[in-house]
Amino acid sequence: MKYSILIQWSEEDKTYIAGLPQWGKYAQTHGESYEEALKNAKEVLEDLVYAYEEMGKPLPQLQNLQTI
């Protein structure tokens, strides 16, 4: 899968937030470490792909995101 995962430190939450931009603003997870946030994001991504395929819903189009 070639979807983007954006991981940022949240000072407010004191944790790393991992978002899946192509899947919408609510496709997020978190982790106490960068590695944990990445692992959790991969699991969420796998679950989203599975759910979309089960429902016969098209997967979001792959997009190149510009760097910030």
PDB file of N, CA and C in Angstrom:
ATOM      1  N   MET A   1       0.846  -1.178   0.000  1.00  0.00           N
ATOM      2  CA  MET A   1       0.000   0.000   0.000  1.00  0.00           C
ATOM      3  C   MET A   1       0.884   1.231   0.000  1.00  0.00           C
ATOM      4  N   LYS A   2       0.494   2.184  -0.773  1.00  0.00           N
ATOM      5  CA  LYS A   2       1.320   3.377  -0.901  1.00  0.00           C
ATOM      6  C   LYS A   2       0.562   4.616  -0.447  1.00  0.00           C
ATOM      7  N   TYR A   3      -0.040   4.526   0.706  1.00  0.00           N
ATOM      8  CA  TYR A   3      -0.736   5.666   1.279  1.00  0.00           C
ATOM      9  C   TYR A   3       0.199   6.381   2.254  1.00  0.00           C
ATOM     10  N   SER A   4      -0.038   7.661   2.422  1.00  0.00           N
ATOM     11  CA  SER A   4       0.789   8.474   3.312  1.00  0.00           C
ATOM     12  C   SER A   4       0.343   8.325   4.760  1.00  0.00           C
ATOM     13  N   ILE A   5       1.314   8.369   5.641  1.00  0.00           N
ATOM     14  CA  ILE A   5       1.068   8.414   7.081  1.00  0.00           C
ATOM     15  C   ILE A   5       1.813   9.635   7.594  1.00  0.00           C
ATOM     16  N   LEU A   6       1.097  10.531   8.232  1.00  0.00           N
ATOM     17  CA  LEU A   6       1.687  11.744   8.770  1.00  0.00           C
ATOM     18  C   LEU A   6       1.737  11.608  10.288  1.00  0.00           C
ATOM     19  N   ILE A   7       2.951  11.665  10.840  1.00  0.00           N
ATOM     20  CA  ILE A   7       3.127  11.516  12.284  1.00  0.00           C
ATOM     21  C   ILE A   7       3.689  12.817  12.842  1.00  0.00           C
ATOM     22  N   GLN A   8       2.987  13.348  13.844  1.00  0.00           N
ATOM     23  CA  GLN A   8       3.404  14.595  14.473  1.00  0.00           C
ATOM     24  C   GLN A   8       3.286  14.470  15.985  1.00  0.00           C
ATOM     25  N   TRP A   9       4.169  15.166  16.691  1.00  0.00           N
ATOM     26  CA  TRP A   9       4.085  15.239  18.143  1.00  0.00           C
ATOM     27  C   TRP A   9       2.979  16.209  18.525  1.00  0.00           C
ATOM     28  N   SER A  10       2.136  15.823  19.462  1.00  0.00           N
ATOM     29  CA  SER A  10       1.094  16.701  19.987  1.00  0.00           C
ATOM     30  C   SER A  10       1.489  17.124  21.385  1.00  0.00           C
ATOM     31  N   GLU A  11       1.866  18.369  21.528  1.00  0.00           N
ATOM     32  CA  GLU A  11       2.232  18.893  22.844  1.00  0.00           C
ATOM     33  C   GLU A  11       1.017  18.866  23.767  1.00  0.00           C
ATOM     34  N   GLU A  12      -0.137  19.165  23.203  1.00  0.00           N
ATOM     35  CA  GLU A  12      -1.374  19.183  23.994  1.00  0.00           C
ATOM     36  C   GLU A  12      -1.692  17.811  24.583  1.00  0.00           C
ATOM     37  N   ASP A  13      -1.544  16.770  23.764  1.00  0.00           N
ATOM     38  CA  ASP A  13      -1.874  15.410  24.191  1.00  0.00           C
ATOM     39  C   ASP A  13      -0.676  14.647  24.747  1.00  0.00           C
ATOM     40  N   LYS A  14       0.519  15.194  24.556  1.00  0.00           N
ATOM     41  CA  LYS A  14       1.765  14.545  25.004  1.00  0.00           C
ATOM     42  C   LYS A  14       1.905  13.149  24.409  1.00  0.00           C
ATOM     43  N   THR A  15       1.638  13.062  23.102  1.00  0.00           N
ATOM     44  CA  THR A  15       1.741  11.787  22.392  1.00  0.00           C
ATOM     45  C   THR A  15       1.959  12.079  20.907  1.00  0.00           C
ATOM     46  N   TYR A  16       2.344  11.062  20.177  1.00  0.00           N
ATOM     47  CA  TYR A  16       2.478  11.186  18.727  1.00  0.00           C
ATOM     48  C   TYR A  16       1.136  10.870  18.092  1.00  0.00           C
ATOM     49  N   ILE A  17       0.695  11.728  17.190  1.00  0.00           N
ATOM     50  CA  ILE A  17      -0.548  11.539  16.457  1.00  0.00           C
ATOM     51  C   ILE A  17      -0.193  11.110  15.036  1.00  0.00           C
ATOM     52  N   ALA A  18      -0.800  10.031  14.587  1.00  0.00           N
ATOM     53  CA  ALA A  18      -0.567   9.525  13.233  1.00  0.00           C
ATOM     54  C   ALA A  18      -1.865   9.632  12.453  1.00  0.00           C
ATOM     55  N   GLY A  19      -1.806  10.360  11.349  1.00  0.00           N
ATOM     56  CA  GLY A  19      -2.984  10.534  10.512  1.00  0.00           C
ATOM     57  C   GLY A  19      -2.793   9.909   9.142  1.00  0.00           C
ATOM     58  N   LEU A  20      -3.895   9.519   8.546  1.00  0.00           N
ATOM     59  CA  LEU A  20      -3.904   8.949   7.201  1.00  0.00           C
ATOM     60  C   LEU A  20      -4.648   9.934   6.308  1.00  0.00           C
ATOM     61  N   PRO A  21      -3.949  10.931   5.751  1.00  0.00           N
ATOM     62  CA  PRO A  21      -4.596  12.047   5.062  1.00  0.00           C
ATOM     63  C   PRO A  21      -5.550  11.666   3.933  1.00  0.00           C
ATOM     64  N   GLN A  22      -5.239  10.645   3.163  1.00  0.00           N
ATOM     65  CA  GLN A  22      -6.105  10.273   2.043  1.00  0.00           C
ATOM     66  C   GLN A  22      -7.423   9.656   2.507  1.00  0.00           C
ATOM     67  N   TRP A  23      -7.511   9.296   3.765  1.00  0.00           N
ATOM     68  CA  TRP A  23      -8.693   8.606   4.288  1.00  0.00           C
ATOM     69  C   TRP A  23      -9.621   9.531   5.079  1.00  0.00           C
ATOM     70  N   GLY A  24      -9.290  10.810   5.158  1.00  0.00           N
ATOM     71  CA  GLY A  24     -10.159  11.759   5.847  1.00  0.00           C
ATOM     72  C   GLY A  24      -9.613  12.156   7.206  1.00  0.00           C
ATOM     73  N   LYS A  25     -10.187  13.220   7.732  1.00  0.00           N
ATOM     74  CA  LYS A  25      -9.635  13.807   8.959  1.00  0.00           C
ATOM     75  C   LYS A  25      -9.835  12.952  10.204  1.00  0.00           C
ATOM     76  N   TYR A  26     -10.731  11.977  10.162  1.00  0.00           N
ATOM     77  CA  TYR A  26     -10.949  11.142  11.340  1.00  0.00           C
ATOM     78  C   TYR A  26     -10.145   9.842  11.326  1.00  0.00           C
ATOM     79  N   ALA A  27      -9.377   9.625  10.273  1.00  0.00           N
ATOM     80  CA  ALA A  27      -8.533   8.428  10.190  1.00  0.00           C
ATOM     81  C   ALA A  27      -7.217   8.733  10.898  1.00  0.00           C
ATOM     82  N   GLN A  28      -7.249   8.586  12.218  1.00  0.00           N
ATOM     83  CA  GLN A  28      -6.094   8.898  13.047  1.00  0.00           C
ATOM     84  C   GLN A  28      -5.926   7.850  14.130  1.00  0.00           C
ATOM     85  N   THR A  29      -4.719   7.807  14.642  1.00  0.00           N
ATOM     86  CA  THR A  29      -4.414   6.991  15.811  1.00  0.00           C
ATOM     87  C   THR A  29      -3.280   7.707  16.539  1.00  0.00           C
ATOM     88  N   HIS A  30      -2.722   7.064  17.523  1.00  0.00           N
ATOM     89  CA  HIS A  30      -1.642   7.710  18.281  1.00  0.00           C
ATOM     90  C   HIS A  30      -0.725   6.645  18.870  1.00  0.00           C
ATOM     91  N   GLY A  31       0.347   7.103  19.487  1.00  0.00           N
ATOM     92  CA  GLY A  31       1.274   6.210  20.169  1.00  0.00           C
ATOM     93  C   GLY A  31       2.178   6.996  21.097  1.00  0.00           C
ATOM     94  N   GLU A  32       2.670   6.341  22.118  1.00  0.00           N
ATOM     95  CA  GLU A  32       3.576   7.001  23.065  1.00  0.00           C
ATOM     96  C   GLU A  32       4.936   7.272  22.438  1.00  0.00           C
ATOM     97  N   SER A  33       5.292   6.496  21.423  1.00  0.00           N
ATOM     98  CA  SER A  33       6.542   6.717  20.692  1.00  0.00           C
ATOM     99  C   SER A  33       6.205   6.840  19.210  1.00  0.00           C
ATOM    100  N   TYR A  34       7.169   7.367  18.449  1.00  0.00           N
ATOM    101  CA  TYR A  34       6.994   7.486  16.998  1.00  0.00           C
ATOM    102  C   TYR A  34       6.733   6.109  16.398  1.00  0.00           C
ATOM    103  N   GLU A  35       7.504   5.130  16.846  1.00  0.00           N
ATOM    104  CA  GLU A  35       7.392   3.768  16.314  1.00  0.00           C
ATOM    105  C   GLU A  35       6.029   3.156  16.619  1.00  0.00           C
ATOM    106  N   GLU A  36       5.529   3.404  17.828  1.00  0.00           N
ATOM    107  CA  GLU A  36       4.216   2.876  18.192  1.00  0.00           C
ATOM    108  C   GLU A  36       3.113   3.543  17.358  1.00  0.00           C
ATOM    109  N   ALA A  37       3.233   4.859  17.144  1.00  0.00           N
ATOM    110  CA  ALA A  37       2.251   5.564  16.313  1.00  0.00           C
ATOM    111  C   ALA A  37       2.262   5.011  14.895  1.00  0.00           C
ATOM    112  N   LEU A  38       3.446   4.733  14.355  1.00  0.00           N
ATOM    113  CA  LEU A  38       3.551   4.168  13.016  1.00  0.00           C
ATOM    114  C   LEU A  38       2.922   2.781  12.955  1.00  0.00           C
ATOM    115  N   LYS A  39       3.211   1.951  13.929  1.00  0.00           N
ATOM    116  CA  LYS A  39       2.642   0.600  13.986  1.00  0.00           C
ATOM    117  C   LYS A  39       1.116   0.669  14.040  1.00  0.00           C
ATOM    118  N   ASN A  40       0.599   1.540  14.887  1.00  0.00           N
ATOM    119  CA  ASN A  40      -0.850   1.683  15.018  1.00  0.00           C
ATOM    120  C   ASN A  40      -1.480   2.204  13.724  1.00  0.00           C
ATOM    121  N   ALA A  41      -0.802   3.139  13.062  1.00  0.00           N
ATOM    122  CA  ALA A  41      -1.315   3.683  11.804  1.00  0.00           C
ATOM    123  C   ALA A  41      -1.372   2.600  10.724  1.00  0.00           C
ATOM    124  N   LYS A  42      -0.362   1.746  10.678  1.00  0.00           N
ATOM    125  CA  LYS A  42      -0.372   0.649   9.705  1.00  0.00           C
ATOM    126  C   LYS A  42      -1.551  -0.287   9.962  1.00  0.00           C
ATOM    127  N   GLU A  43      -1.850  -0.552  11.229  1.00  0.00           N
ATOM    128  CA  GLU A  43      -2.979  -1.419  11.572  1.00  0.00           C
ATOM    129  C   GLU A  43      -4.303  -0.770  11.158  1.00  0.00           C
ATOM    130  N   VAL A  44      -4.445   0.530  11.418  1.00  0.00           N
ATOM    131  CA  VAL A  44      -5.653   1.245  11.022  1.00  0.00           C
ATOM    132  C   VAL A  44      -5.802   1.210   9.502  1.00  0.00           C
ATOM    133  N   LEU A  45      -4.707   1.422   8.795  1.00  0.00           N
ATOM    134  CA  LEU A  45      -4.731   1.398   7.330  1.00  0.00           C
ATOM    135  C   LEU A  45      -5.181   0.032   6.817  1.00  0.00           C
ATOM    136  N   GLU A  46      -4.635  -1.024   7.375  1.00  0.00           N
ATOM    137  CA  GLU A  46      -5.042  -2.376   6.973  1.00  0.00           C
ATOM    138  C   GLU A  46      -6.526  -2.595   7.231  1.00  0.00           C
ATOM    139  N   ASP A  47      -7.013  -2.125   8.381  1.00  0.00           N
ATOM    140  CA  ASP A  47      -8.434  -2.278   8.710  1.00  0.00           C
ATOM    141  C   ASP A  47      -9.317  -1.489   7.739  1.00  0.00           C
ATOM    142  N   LEU A  48      -8.886  -0.273   7.390  1.00  0.00           N
ATOM    143  CA  LEU A  48      -9.655   0.538   6.458  1.00  0.00           C
ATOM    144  C   LEU A  48      -9.727  -0.122   5.079  1.00  0.00           C
ATOM    145  N   VAL A  49      -8.607  -0.606   4.589  1.00  0.00           N
ATOM    146  CA  VAL A  49      -8.587  -1.266   3.283  1.00  0.00           C
ATOM    147  C   VAL A  49      -9.504  -2.488   3.309  1.00  0.00           C
ATOM    148  N   TYR A  50      -9.408  -3.276   4.349  1.00  0.00           N
ATOM    149  CA  TYR A  50     -10.252  -4.466   4.471  1.00  0.00           C
ATOM    150  C   TYR A  50     -11.734  -4.085   4.471  1.00  0.00           C
ATOM    151  N   ALA A  51     -12.093  -3.078   5.281  1.00  0.00           N
ATOM    152  CA  ALA A  51     -13.487  -2.667   5.386  1.00  0.00           C
ATOM    153  C   ALA A  51     -14.014  -2.140   4.053  1.00  0.00           C
ATOM    154  N   TYR A  52     -13.225  -1.325   3.382  1.00  0.00           N
ATOM    155  CA  TYR A  52     -13.649  -0.797   2.080  1.00  0.00           C
ATOM    156  C   TYR A  52     -13.853  -1.934   1.082  1.00  0.00           C
ATOM    157  N   GLU A  53     -12.931  -2.886   1.062  1.00  0.00           N
ATOM    158  CA  GLU A  53     -13.052  -4.005   0.134  1.00  0.00           C
ATOM    159  C   GLU A  53     -14.273  -4.859   0.453  1.00  0.00           C
ATOM    160  N   GLU A  54     -14.547  -5.075   1.732  1.00  0.00           N
ATOM    161  CA  GLU A  54     -15.708  -5.867   2.137  1.00  0.00           C
ATOM    162  C   GLU A  54     -17.011  -5.187   1.715  1.00  0.00           C
ATOM    163  N   MET A  55     -17.045  -3.855   1.753  1.00  0.00           N
ATOM    164  CA  MET A  55     -18.244  -3.106   1.385  1.00  0.00           C
ATOM    165  C   MET A  55     -18.325  -2.846  -0.122  1.00  0.00           C
ATOM    166  N   GLY A  56     -17.273  -3.205  -0.858  1.00  0.00           N
ATOM    167  CA  GLY A  56     -17.239  -2.948  -2.288  1.00  0.00           C
ATOM    168  C   GLY A  56     -17.055  -1.474  -2.606  1.00  0.00           C
ATOM    169  N   LYS A  57     -16.527  -0.749  -1.661  1.00  0.00           N
ATOM    170  CA  LYS A  57     -16.317   0.693  -1.811  1.00  0.00           C
ATOM    171  C   LYS A  57     -14.931   0.943  -2.412  1.00  0.00           C
ATOM    172  N   PRO A  58     -14.812   1.871  -3.359  1.00  0.00           N
ATOM    173  CA  PRO A  58     -13.490   2.124  -3.945  1.00  0.00           C
ATOM    174  C   PRO A  58     -12.531   2.738  -2.917  1.00  0.00           C
ATOM    175  N   LEU A  59     -11.295   2.331  -2.997  1.00  0.00           N
ATOM    176  CA  LEU A  59     -10.267   2.884  -2.110  1.00  0.00           C
ATOM    177  C   LEU A  59      -9.946   4.315  -2.530  1.00  0.00           C
ATOM    178  N   PRO A  60      -9.547   5.161  -1.571  1.00  0.00           N
ATOM    179  CA  PRO A  60      -9.157   6.514  -1.939  1.00  0.00           C
ATOM    180  C   PRO A  60      -8.016   6.496  -2.951  1.00  0.00           C
ATOM    181  N   GLN A  61      -8.004   7.506  -3.813  1.00  0.00           N
ATOM    182  CA  GLN A  61      -6.938   7.593  -4.797  1.00  0.00           C
ATOM    183  C   GLN A  61      -5.628   7.950  -4.101  1.00  0.00           C
ATOM    184  N   LEU A  62      -4.560   7.385  -4.606  1.00  0.00           N
ATOM    185  CA  LEU A  62      -3.234   7.723  -4.085  1.00  0.00           C
ATOM    186  C   LEU A  62      -2.903   9.140  -4.521  1.00  0.00           C
ATOM    187  N   GLN A  63      -2.310   9.896  -3.615  1.00  0.00           N
ATOM    188  CA  GLN A  63      -1.942  11.271  -3.900  1.00  0.00           C
ATOM    189  C   GLN A  63      -0.542  11.513  -3.378  1.00  0.00           C
ATOM    190  N   ASN A  64       0.187  12.337  -4.092  1.00  0.00           N
ATOM    191  CA  ASN A  64       1.471  12.792  -3.580  1.00  0.00           C
ATOM    192  C   ASN A  64       1.204  14.022  -2.737  1.00  0.00           C
ATOM    193  N   LEU A  65       1.603  13.982  -1.492  1.00  0.00           N
ATOM    194  CA  LEU A  65       1.397  15.127  -0.614  1.00  0.00           C
ATOM    195  C   LEU A  65       2.649  15.989  -0.649  1.00  0.00           C
ATOM    196  N   GLN A  66       2.454  17.277  -0.669  1.00  0.00           N
ATOM    197  CA  GLN A  66       3.589  18.182  -0.633  1.00  0.00           C
ATOM    198  C   GLN A  66       4.139  18.230   0.775  1.00  0.00           C
ATOM    199  N   THR A  67       5.427  18.382   0.882  1.00  0.00           N
ATOM    200  CA  THR A  67       6.022  18.487   2.197  1.00  0.00           C
ATOM    201  C   THR A  67       5.716  19.845   2.800  1.00  0.00           C
ATOM    202  N   ILE A  68       5.655  19.868   4.091  1.00  0.00           N
ATOM    203  CA  ILE A  68       5.319  21.099   4.795  1.00  0.00           C
ATOM    204  C   ILE A  68       6.566  21.933   5.023  1.00  0.00           C
TER     205      ILE A  68
END
